[in-house]
N, C-alpha and C. Protein backbone atom coordinates (compact mmCIF):
# COMPACT_ATOMS: atom_id res chain seq x y z
N UNK A 1 0.74 -1.22 -0.06
CA UNK A 1 0.00 -0.14 -0.59
C UNK A 1 0.52 1.27 -0.04
N UNK A 2 0.91 1.86 -1.06
CA UNK A 2 1.67 3.11 -1.31
C UNK A 2 1.20 4.33 -1.03
N UNK A 3 0.07 4.61 -1.00
CA UNK A 3 -0.34 5.78 -0.29
C UNK A 3 -0.51 5.63 1.13
N UNK A 4 0.35 7.16 1.57
CA UNK A 4 0.21 6.98 3.33
C UNK A 4 -1.42 7.13 4.09
N UNK A 5 -1.88 8.49 3.09
CA UNK A 5 -3.31 8.37 3.72
C UNK A 5 -4.17 7.77 3.57
N UNK A 6 -3.93 6.35 2.57
CA UNK A 6 -5.07 5.32 2.79
C UNK A 6 -4.27 4.28 4.00
N UNK A 7 -3.15 4.55 4.11
CA UNK A 7 -2.34 4.02 4.98
C UNK A 7 -2.71 4.36 6.44
N UNK A 8 -2.96 5.22 6.64
CA UNK A 8 -3.61 5.65 7.82
C UNK A 8 -4.84 5.28 7.85
N UNK A 9 -5.56 5.34 7.01
CA UNK A 9 -7.15 5.39 7.26
C UNK A 9 -7.45 4.02 7.50
N UNK A 10 -6.81 3.02 6.72
CA UNK A 10 -6.61 1.23 7.41
C UNK A 10 -6.70 0.93 8.44
N UNK A 11 -5.31 1.81 9.16
CA UNK A 11 -4.65 1.48 10.62
C UNK A 11 -6.12 2.35 11.24
N UNK A 12 -6.62 2.97 10.73
CA UNK A 12 -7.67 3.68 12.05
C UNK A 12 -9.01 3.03 11.85
N UNK A 13 -9.61 2.53 10.79
CA UNK A 13 -10.74 0.88 10.82
C UNK A 13 -10.14 0.17 11.28
N UNK A 14 -8.90 -0.21 11.56
CA UNK A 14 -8.91 -1.32 12.13
C UNK A 14 -8.26 -1.12 13.93
N UNK A 15 -8.24 -0.14 14.21
CA UNK A 15 -8.06 0.24 15.23
C UNK A 15 -9.40 0.05 15.64
N UNK A 16 -10.35 1.04 15.06
CA UNK A 16 -11.70 1.14 15.49
C UNK A 16 -12.12 -0.56 15.46
N UNK A 17 -12.22 -0.88 14.66
CA UNK A 17 -13.07 -2.69 14.89
C UNK A 17 -12.24 -3.31 16.03
N UNK A 18 -11.52 -3.32 16.36
CA UNK A 18 -10.41 -4.15 17.21
C UNK A 18 -10.66 -3.84 18.71
N UNK A 19 -10.91 -2.09 18.50
CA UNK A 19 -11.21 -1.94 20.35
C UNK A 19 -12.87 -2.09 20.60
N UNK A 20 -13.56 -1.90 19.49
CA UNK A 20 -14.90 -2.48 19.28
C UNK A 20 -15.22 -3.77 19.95
N UNK A 21 -14.61 -4.83 18.90
CA UNK A 21 -14.66 -6.19 19.32
C UNK A 21 -14.46 -6.52 20.58
N UNK A 22 -12.70 -5.72 20.92
CA UNK A 22 -12.82 -5.90 22.52
C UNK A 22 -13.27 -5.45 23.57
N UNK A 23 -13.97 -4.22 23.32
CA UNK A 23 -14.50 -3.86 24.55
C UNK A 23 -16.08 -4.37 24.70
N UNK A 24 -16.75 -5.38 23.74
CA UNK A 24 -18.21 -5.71 23.41
C UNK A 24 -17.30 -7.45 23.88
N UNK A 25 -16.42 -7.94 24.19
CA UNK A 25 -15.97 -9.22 24.38
C UNK A 25 -16.35 -10.02 23.28
N UNK A 26 -15.88 -9.76 22.16
CA UNK A 26 -16.36 -10.31 20.89
C UNK A 26 -14.76 -11.11 20.59
N UNK A 27 -13.57 -10.85 21.06
CA UNK A 27 -12.57 -11.09 20.35
C UNK A 27 -11.50 -11.51 22.02
N UNK A 28 -10.81 -12.76 21.93
CA UNK A 28 -10.33 -13.18 22.43
C UNK A 28 -8.87 -11.99 23.14
N UNK A 29 -7.71 -12.64 23.77
CA UNK A 29 -6.84 -11.23 24.52
C UNK A 29 -6.13 -11.10 23.43
N UNK A 30 -5.65 -12.53 22.07
CA UNK A 30 -4.60 -12.41 20.86
C UNK A 30 -5.13 -11.26 19.79
N UNK A 31 -6.44 -10.66 20.24
CA UNK A 31 -7.54 -9.84 18.99
C UNK A 31 -7.69 -11.16 17.89
N UNK A 32 -8.10 -12.48 18.33
CA UNK A 32 -9.07 -13.33 17.43
C UNK A 32 -10.51 -13.27 17.88
N UNK A 33 -11.12 -13.39 16.83
CA UNK A 33 -12.51 -13.54 17.29
C UNK A 33 -12.66 -14.79 18.05
N UNK A 34 -13.82 -14.44 19.20
CA UNK A 34 -14.40 -15.67 19.98
C UNK A 34 -14.36 -16.58 19.33
N UNK A 35 -15.90 -16.42 18.26
CA UNK A 35 -16.76 -17.17 16.71
C UNK A 35 -16.44 -16.30 16.40
N UNK A 36 -15.29 -16.51 15.08
CA UNK A 36 -15.32 -15.64 13.75
C UNK A 36 -17.03 -15.91 12.88
N UNK A 37 -17.79 -16.54 13.42
CA UNK A 37 -18.88 -16.90 12.72
C UNK A 37 -19.98 -16.03 12.99
N UNK A 38 -19.66 -14.89 14.29
CA UNK A 38 -20.91 -14.38 14.49
C UNK A 38 -21.41 -13.73 14.56
N UNK A 39 -22.21 -12.84 13.83
CA UNK A 39 -22.93 -11.92 12.73
C UNK A 39 -22.69 -10.62 13.71
N UNK A 40 -21.98 -10.93 14.71
CA UNK A 40 -22.12 -9.60 15.89
C UNK A 40 -20.44 -8.96 15.66
N UNK A 41 -19.82 -9.55 15.06
CA UNK A 41 -18.64 -9.16 14.90
C UNK A 41 -18.47 -8.13 14.22
N UNK A 42 -17.59 -6.96 14.50
CA UNK A 42 -17.65 -5.64 14.29
C UNK A 42 -16.52 -6.09 12.86
N UNK A 43 -16.71 -5.36 11.77
CA UNK A 43 -15.67 -6.15 11.01
C UNK A 43 -15.64 -4.50 9.47
N UNK A 44 -14.67 -4.97 8.92
CA UNK A 44 -13.98 -3.79 8.18
C UNK A 44 -14.66 -4.19 6.67
N UNK A 45 -15.56 -3.57 5.94
CA UNK A 45 -15.85 -3.75 4.93
C UNK A 45 -15.13 -3.90 3.71
N UNK A 46 -15.88 -5.85 2.75
CA UNK A 46 -14.48 -5.19 1.83
C UNK A 46 -15.42 -3.79 0.73
N UNK A 47 -14.89 -3.66 -0.16
CA UNK A 47 -15.69 -2.68 -1.15
C UNK A 47 -15.55 -3.28 -2.51
N UNK A 48 -16.91 -3.64 -2.43
CA UNK A 48 -17.56 -4.27 -3.89
C UNK A 48 -18.61 -3.55 -4.53
N UNK A 49 -18.58 -3.51 -5.61
CA UNK A 49 -19.46 -2.48 -6.89
C UNK A 49 -19.29 -1.23 -6.70
N UNK A 50 -20.54 -0.75 -7.43
CA UNK A 50 -19.88 0.67 -7.63
C UNK A 50 -20.64 1.67 -6.52
N UNK A 51 -21.33 1.14 -5.08
CA UNK A 51 -21.83 2.14 -4.02
C UNK A 51 -21.08 1.38 -3.16
N UNK A 52 -20.47 2.30 -2.47
CA UNK A 52 -19.77 2.22 -0.84
C UNK A 52 -20.76 1.63 0.10
N UNK A 53 -20.34 0.97 0.88
CA UNK A 53 -20.70 0.57 2.11
C UNK A 53 -20.28 0.97 3.05
N UNK A 54 -19.66 1.45 3.53
CA UNK A 54 -19.01 2.01 4.72
C UNK A 54 -17.49 1.67 5.37
N UNK A 55 -16.92 1.85 6.32
CA UNK A 55 -15.39 1.35 6.12
C UNK A 55 -15.88 0.25 7.12
N UNK A 56 -16.36 0.67 8.27
CA UNK A 56 -16.94 -0.77 9.72
C UNK A 56 -18.02 -1.09 9.61
N UNK A 57 -18.64 -2.22 9.76
CA UNK A 57 -19.91 -2.46 10.12
C UNK A 57 -20.34 -3.30 10.99
N UNK A 58 -20.83 -2.48 12.46
CA UNK A 58 -21.16 -2.90 13.76
C UNK A 58 -22.64 -2.58 13.46
N UNK A 59 -23.04 -3.91 13.14
CA UNK A 59 -24.58 -3.84 13.43
C UNK A 59 -25.37 -3.76 14.24
N UNK A 60 -25.98 -2.44 14.47
CA UNK A 60 -26.63 -2.02 13.10
C UNK A 60 -26.05 -0.84 12.60
N UNK A 61 -24.66 -0.33 13.18
CA UNK A 61 -24.37 0.53 12.54
C UNK A 61 -23.51 0.44 11.01
N UNK A 62 -23.48 1.60 10.64
CA UNK A 62 -22.49 1.53 9.45
C UNK A 62 -21.28 3.13 10.15
N UNK A 63 -20.58 2.60 10.26
CA UNK A 63 -19.33 3.68 10.74
C UNK A 63 -18.24 4.39 9.62
N UNK A 64 -18.20 5.15 9.29
CA UNK A 64 -17.65 5.64 8.55
C UNK A 64 -16.04 6.56 9.35
N UNK A 65 -15.01 5.92 9.24
CA UNK A 65 -14.21 5.42 9.95
C UNK A 65 -13.02 7.37 9.43
N UNK A 66 -12.58 8.66 9.71
CA UNK A 66 -11.92 9.18 8.98
C UNK A 66 -10.59 9.67 10.34
N UNK A 67 -9.26 9.59 9.50
CA UNK A 67 -8.06 9.96 10.56
C UNK A 67 -7.63 11.02 9.43
N UNK A 68 -8.24 12.13 9.93
CA UNK A 68 -8.31 13.38 9.28
C UNK A 68 -7.08 14.24 10.04
N UNK A 69 -6.83 15.28 9.77
CA UNK A 69 -6.54 16.76 10.42
C UNK A 69 -7.63 17.72 11.01
N UNK A 70 -8.30 18.20 9.70
CA UNK A 70 -9.17 18.86 9.78
C UNK A 70 -10.84 18.33 8.93
N UNK A 71 -11.73 18.34 9.97
CA UNK A 71 -12.98 17.03 9.85
C UNK A 71 -14.40 18.22 9.37
N UNK A 72 -14.51 17.67 8.34
CA UNK A 72 -15.89 18.50 7.74
C UNK A 72 -16.86 17.67 8.15
N UNK A 73 -17.70 17.38 9.85
CA UNK A 73 -18.41 16.89 10.26
C UNK A 73 -19.70 16.56 9.68
N UNK A 74 -20.14 17.31 9.05
CA UNK A 74 -21.35 17.20 7.91
C UNK A 74 -21.06 16.59 7.11
N UNK A 75 -20.19 16.52 6.57
CA UNK A 75 -20.13 15.67 5.00
C UNK A 75 -19.63 14.68 5.53
N UNK A 76 -18.70 13.92 6.49
CA UNK A 76 -18.91 12.97 6.88
C UNK A 76 -20.41 12.52 6.94
N UNK A 77 -21.20 12.97 7.82
CA UNK A 77 -22.06 12.27 8.38
C UNK A 77 -23.17 11.97 6.45
N UNK A 78 -22.91 12.69 6.23
CA UNK A 78 -23.99 13.09 4.75
C UNK A 78 -23.52 11.45 4.27
N UNK A 79 -21.89 11.39 4.34
CA UNK A 79 -21.32 10.29 3.77
C UNK A 79 -21.96 8.63 4.23
N UNK A 80 -21.94 8.91 5.71
CA UNK A 80 -21.95 7.66 6.71
C UNK A 80 -24.27 7.41 6.31
N UNK A 81 -24.28 8.28 6.11
CA UNK A 81 -26.09 8.21 6.11
C UNK A 81 -26.49 7.23 4.88
N UNK A 82 -25.24 7.87 3.52
CA UNK A 82 -25.37 7.18 2.32
C UNK A 82 -24.88 6.42 2.17
N UNK A 83 -24.26 5.80 2.56
CA UNK A 83 -23.46 4.32 2.75
C UNK A 83 -24.34 3.20 3.46
N UNK A 84 -24.87 3.74 4.66
CA UNK A 84 -25.75 3.28 5.62
C UNK A 84 -26.64 2.23 4.48
N UNK A 85 -27.22 3.44 3.81
CA UNK A 85 -28.46 2.84 3.03
C UNK A 85 -28.34 1.81 2.03
N UNK A 86 -26.47 2.23 1.47
CA UNK A 86 -26.07 1.18 0.61
C UNK A 86 -25.66 -0.39 0.92
N UNK A 87 -25.89 0.03 2.24
CA UNK A 87 -25.50 -1.67 2.81
C UNK A 87 -26.51 -2.13 3.18
N UNK A 88 -27.81 -1.76 3.75
CA UNK A 88 -29.35 -2.08 3.94
C UNK A 88 -29.16 -1.86 5.73
N UNK A 89 -28.03 -0.97 6.51
CA UNK A 89 -27.89 -0.83 7.92
C UNK A 89 -29.55 0.61 7.98
N UNK A 90 -29.65 0.59 9.20
CA UNK A 90 -30.28 1.74 9.42
C UNK A 90 -29.84 2.95 9.70
N UNK A 91 -28.38 2.47 10.65
CA UNK A 91 -28.02 3.81 11.20
C UNK A 91 -26.47 3.77 10.53
N UNK A 92 -26.19 4.86 10.39
CA UNK A 92 -24.73 5.61 9.74
C UNK A 92 -24.41 6.52 10.64
N UNK A 93 -22.85 6.46 11.25
CA UNK A 93 -21.80 7.52 12.16
C UNK A 93 -20.65 7.84 11.65
N UNK A 94 -20.37 8.54 11.63
CA UNK A 94 -18.47 9.21 11.54
C UNK A 94 -17.82 8.84 12.38
N UNK A 95 -16.52 8.11 12.64
CA UNK A 95 -15.94 8.03 13.64
C UNK A 95 -14.43 8.46 13.67
N UNK A 96 -14.34 9.85 14.31
CA UNK A 96 -12.91 10.63 13.74
C UNK A 96 -11.75 10.46 14.79
N UNK A 97 -10.60 10.32 14.37
CA UNK A 97 -9.79 10.06 14.90
C UNK A 97 -8.84 11.30 15.83
N UNK A 98 -8.61 10.93 16.81
CA UNK A 98 -8.54 12.13 18.06
C UNK A 98 -6.63 12.01 18.04
N UNK A 99 -6.21 13.17 17.82
CA UNK A 99 -4.72 13.00 17.43
C UNK A 99 -3.63 12.81 18.60
N UNK A 100 -2.68 11.42 18.91
CA UNK A 100 -2.76 10.81 19.55
C UNK A 100 -3.01 10.60 21.23
N UNK A 101 -4.32 10.47 20.85
CA UNK A 101 -5.17 9.78 21.87
C UNK A 101 -5.48 8.44 21.62
N UNK A 102 -5.87 7.85 22.97
CA UNK A 102 -6.28 6.87 22.33
C UNK A 102 -7.65 6.21 21.89
N UNK A 103 -7.52 5.30 21.52
CA UNK A 103 -8.69 4.94 20.37
C UNK A 103 -9.67 5.13 20.97
N UNK A 104 -10.20 4.79 22.29
CA UNK A 104 -11.79 4.92 22.67
C UNK A 104 -11.79 6.52 22.65
N UNK A 105 -10.72 7.10 22.74
CA UNK A 105 -11.70 8.97 23.21
C UNK A 105 -12.17 9.33 21.44
N UNK A 106 -11.67 8.56 20.66
CA UNK A 106 -11.95 8.68 19.02
C UNK A 106 -13.36 9.82 18.97
N UNK A 107 -14.06 10.46 18.20
CA UNK A 107 -15.40 10.82 18.10
C UNK A 107 -16.67 10.68 17.20
N UNK A 108 -17.37 9.79 17.98
CA UNK A 108 -18.46 9.23 17.01
C UNK A 108 -19.42 10.46 16.77
N UNK A 109 -19.53 11.02 15.95
CA UNK A 109 -21.04 11.89 15.29
C UNK A 109 -21.88 11.06 14.47
N UNK A 110 -22.76 11.33 15.31
CA UNK A 110 -24.49 11.05 14.52
C UNK A 110 -25.26 12.35 14.09
N UNK A 111 -26.28 12.30 12.29
CA UNK A 111 -27.05 13.30 12.57
C UNK A 111 -28.03 13.23 13.56
N UNK A 112 -28.55 14.46 13.70
CA UNK A 112 -29.70 14.63 14.88
C UNK A 112 -30.74 14.12 14.63
N UNK A 113 -30.77 13.50 13.00
CA UNK A 113 -32.33 12.39 13.00
C UNK A 113 -31.85 10.95 13.12
N UNK A 114 -30.19 10.33 12.82
CA UNK A 114 -29.69 9.02 13.54
C UNK A 114 -29.76 9.35 15.19
N UNK A 115 -29.48 10.18 15.66
CA UNK A 115 -29.37 10.38 16.95
C UNK A 115 -30.94 10.23 18.04
N UNK A 116 -31.87 10.69 17.20
CA UNK A 116 -33.52 10.93 18.15
C UNK A 116 -33.59 9.16 17.69
N UNK A 117 -33.11 8.74 16.13
CA UNK A 117 -33.82 7.27 15.98
C UNK A 117 -33.46 6.11 16.77
N UNK A 118 -31.72 6.91 17.02
CA UNK A 118 -31.27 5.62 18.13
C UNK A 118 -31.98 5.80 19.48
N UNK A 119 -32.19 6.81 19.56
CA UNK A 119 -32.74 7.32 20.94
C UNK A 119 -33.97 6.79 21.43
N UNK A 120 -34.97 7.01 20.57
CA UNK A 120 -36.19 6.31 20.35
C UNK A 120 -36.47 4.87 20.17
N UNK A 121 -35.59 4.43 19.96
CA UNK A 121 -34.87 2.38 19.70
C UNK A 121 -34.46 2.02 20.99
N UNK A 122 -34.46 3.30 22.24
CA UNK A 122 -33.64 2.78 23.59
C UNK A 122 -34.65 2.74 23.93
N UNK A 123 -35.49 3.95 24.29
CA UNK A 123 -37.02 4.48 24.64
C UNK A 123 -36.67 4.97 26.40
N UNK A 124 -35.80 5.93 25.28
CA UNK A 124 -35.21 7.31 26.32
C UNK A 124 -35.43 8.30 26.03
N UNK A 125 -35.42 9.73 26.66
CA UNK A 125 -35.88 10.85 26.42
C UNK A 125 -34.54 11.03 25.99
N UNK A 126 -34.92 12.96 25.66
CA UNK A 126 -33.51 13.31 25.32
C UNK A 126 -32.50 13.40 25.73
N UNK A 127 -33.13 14.31 26.99
CA UNK A 127 -32.01 14.45 28.32
C UNK A 127 -31.61 13.02 28.60
N UNK A 128 -32.01 12.35 29.14
CA UNK A 128 -31.59 10.94 29.85
C UNK A 128 -30.31 9.80 28.74
N UNK A 129 -31.10 10.07 27.79
CA UNK A 129 -30.31 9.64 26.78
C UNK A 129 -28.82 10.45 26.27
N UNK A 130 -28.60 11.88 26.41
CA UNK A 130 -27.60 12.68 26.79
C UNK A 130 -26.73 12.45 27.25
N UNK A 131 -27.30 12.22 28.70
CA UNK A 131 -26.72 11.83 30.10
C UNK A 131 -26.10 10.74 30.07
N UNK A 132 -26.78 10.07 29.67
CA UNK A 132 -26.18 8.49 30.04
C UNK A 132 -24.77 7.49 29.09
N UNK A 133 -24.87 8.43 28.39
CA UNK A 133 -23.56 8.21 27.06
C UNK A 133 -23.23 9.03 26.28
N UNK A 134 -22.62 10.48 27.27
CA UNK A 134 -21.97 11.10 26.85
C UNK A 134 -21.96 12.05 25.52
N UNK A 135 -22.98 12.63 25.17
CA UNK A 135 -23.49 13.07 24.43
C UNK A 135 -23.14 14.30 24.41
N UNK A 136 -22.56 15.26 23.69
CA UNK A 136 -22.21 16.53 23.46
C UNK A 136 -23.29 17.14 21.93
N UNK A 137 -23.84 18.39 22.03
CA UNK A 137 -24.20 18.76 21.02
C UNK A 137 -23.88 19.61 20.04
N UNK A 138 -23.75 19.67 18.66
CA UNK A 138 -23.09 21.12 18.24
C UNK A 138 -24.14 21.20 17.28
N UNK A 139 -24.87 22.63 17.41
CA UNK A 139 -26.07 23.05 17.15
C UNK A 139 -24.97 24.78 16.14
N UNK A 140 -25.02 23.90 14.78
CA UNK A 140 -24.54 25.27 14.18
C UNK A 140 -25.45 26.19 13.34
N UNK A 141 -25.92 27.22 13.48
CA UNK A 141 -26.84 28.37 12.80
C UNK A 141 -28.05 27.88 12.66
N UNK A 142 -29.01 28.50 11.77
CA UNK A 142 -29.72 27.53 11.64
C UNK A 142 -30.35 26.66 10.69
N UNK A 143 -28.90 26.15 10.03
CA UNK A 143 -28.98 25.15 9.20
C UNK A 143 -29.07 23.67 10.11
N UNK A 144 -30.05 22.95 10.04
CA UNK A 144 -30.19 22.14 11.16
C UNK A 144 -29.32 20.79 10.45
N UNK A 145 -29.03 20.58 8.83
CA UNK A 145 -28.45 19.78 8.12
C UNK A 145 -27.62 19.90 8.68
N UNK A 146 -26.93 21.25 9.21
CA UNK A 146 -25.21 20.69 10.12
C UNK A 146 -24.98 20.82 11.37
N UNK A 147 -26.32 20.72 12.44
CA UNK A 147 -26.33 19.75 13.42
C UNK A 147 -25.35 18.46 13.37
N UNK A 148 -25.38 18.68 14.52
CA UNK A 148 -24.78 16.81 15.14
C UNK A 148 -24.81 16.53 16.72
N UNK A 149 -24.96 15.27 17.11
CA UNK A 149 -24.44 14.97 18.46
C UNK A 149 -23.15 14.06 18.53
N UNK A 150 -22.29 14.29 19.11
CA UNK A 150 -21.00 13.57 19.16
C UNK A 150 -20.90 12.80 20.83
N UNK A 151 -20.23 11.76 20.63
CA UNK A 151 -19.76 11.06 21.76
C UNK A 151 -18.43 10.22 21.79
N UNK A 152 -17.44 9.79 23.01
CA UNK A 152 -16.57 9.13 22.55
C UNK A 152 -16.58 7.74 21.91
N UNK A 153 -16.07 7.29 21.43
CA UNK A 153 -16.05 5.88 21.35
C UNK A 153 -16.51 4.75 22.68
N UNK A 154 -15.68 4.88 23.08
CA UNK A 154 -16.50 4.05 24.66
C UNK A 154 -17.77 3.67 24.58
N UNK A 155 -17.92 5.32 24.77
CA UNK A 155 -19.73 5.77 25.04
C UNK A 155 -19.93 5.15 23.86
N UNK A 156 -19.69 5.09 22.67
CA UNK A 156 -20.65 4.54 21.57
C UNK A 156 -20.51 3.20 21.60
N UNK A 157 -19.63 2.63 22.21
CA UNK A 157 -19.42 0.77 22.87
C UNK A 157 -20.66 0.77 23.75
N UNK A 158 -21.22 1.47 24.12
CA UNK A 158 -22.49 1.30 25.56
C UNK A 158 -23.06 1.30 24.47
N UNK A 159 -23.59 2.62 23.78
CA UNK A 159 -25.04 1.96 22.66
C UNK A 159 -25.14 1.00 22.25
N UNK A 160 -24.30 0.79 21.53
CA UNK A 160 -24.11 -0.70 20.38
C UNK A 160 -24.70 -1.17 21.35
N UNK A 161 -23.97 -1.59 22.44
CA UNK A 161 -24.10 -3.21 23.09
C UNK A 161 -25.54 -2.77 23.98
N UNK A 162 -25.97 -1.74 24.12
CA UNK A 162 -27.72 -1.84 24.32
C UNK A 162 -28.63 -1.73 23.56
N UNK A 163 -28.17 -1.11 22.36
CA UNK A 163 -29.25 -1.37 21.43
C UNK A 163 -29.72 -2.66 20.78
N UNK A 164 -28.12 -3.48 20.91
CA UNK A 164 -28.07 -5.21 20.46
C UNK A 164 -28.77 -6.12 21.62
N UNK A 165 -28.66 -5.48 22.30
CA UNK A 165 -30.15 -6.44 23.75
C UNK A 165 -31.01 -6.35 23.29
N UNK A 166 -31.71 -5.23 22.72
CA UNK A 166 -32.69 -4.90 22.78
C UNK A 166 -33.57 -5.76 21.08
N UNK A 167 -32.32 -6.08 21.02
CA UNK A 167 -32.74 -6.63 19.52
C UNK A 167 -32.68 -8.20 19.68
N UNK A 168 -32.18 -8.43 21.01
CA UNK A 168 -32.29 -10.30 21.08
C UNK A 168 -33.55 -10.41 21.37
C-alpha cells in the first residue's frame, strides 16, 4: 500500500474494529474473534461494486472512519448515511480520530435524525440519552443539516451494546 493517507485510514478503521470487538467481548486477548461466524462481530467492509457500504460494520451501524487533521463533520455524516442505506443498515455515523489519543476517545458523530432514531429505539428521552451516553450537541446556525451529536468511541460501544441487547 503506497499511499500514506490510505495506510492511515486503514490503520484507523482496524483500530476502531479491534477496540469495539475487544470491549464488547467479541475477541480473545490475542485479538482473534471468539466466534468468527458471529454476525455481531465488528468487521471492516470489503468494497464491492459501485456503491460504497462504509468502512466498518457494527450491526446495526455503519461507521465511516476518518483519520484527518481537519474534519468536515456534516460532510462525513452525509457520507455515512448514504453508505448505511447502500449496506442496508438503519444507522450511519462518522468516527473521527483524535490526534495522539487512545482509540477509545475517538469522536463518534451522529446527525440529529440518527441520534433521535437511536434514542427512540432505546426508549429514552433526550436528556437521559444525552447524559447516559456522554453526548454533546453541536448546533451551528439555523441550518439543522449542520447540527450533530458527538460522543466518545467508548460511549458509543455502550450504545451499541445496549441497542443490540434490545434486538435479542
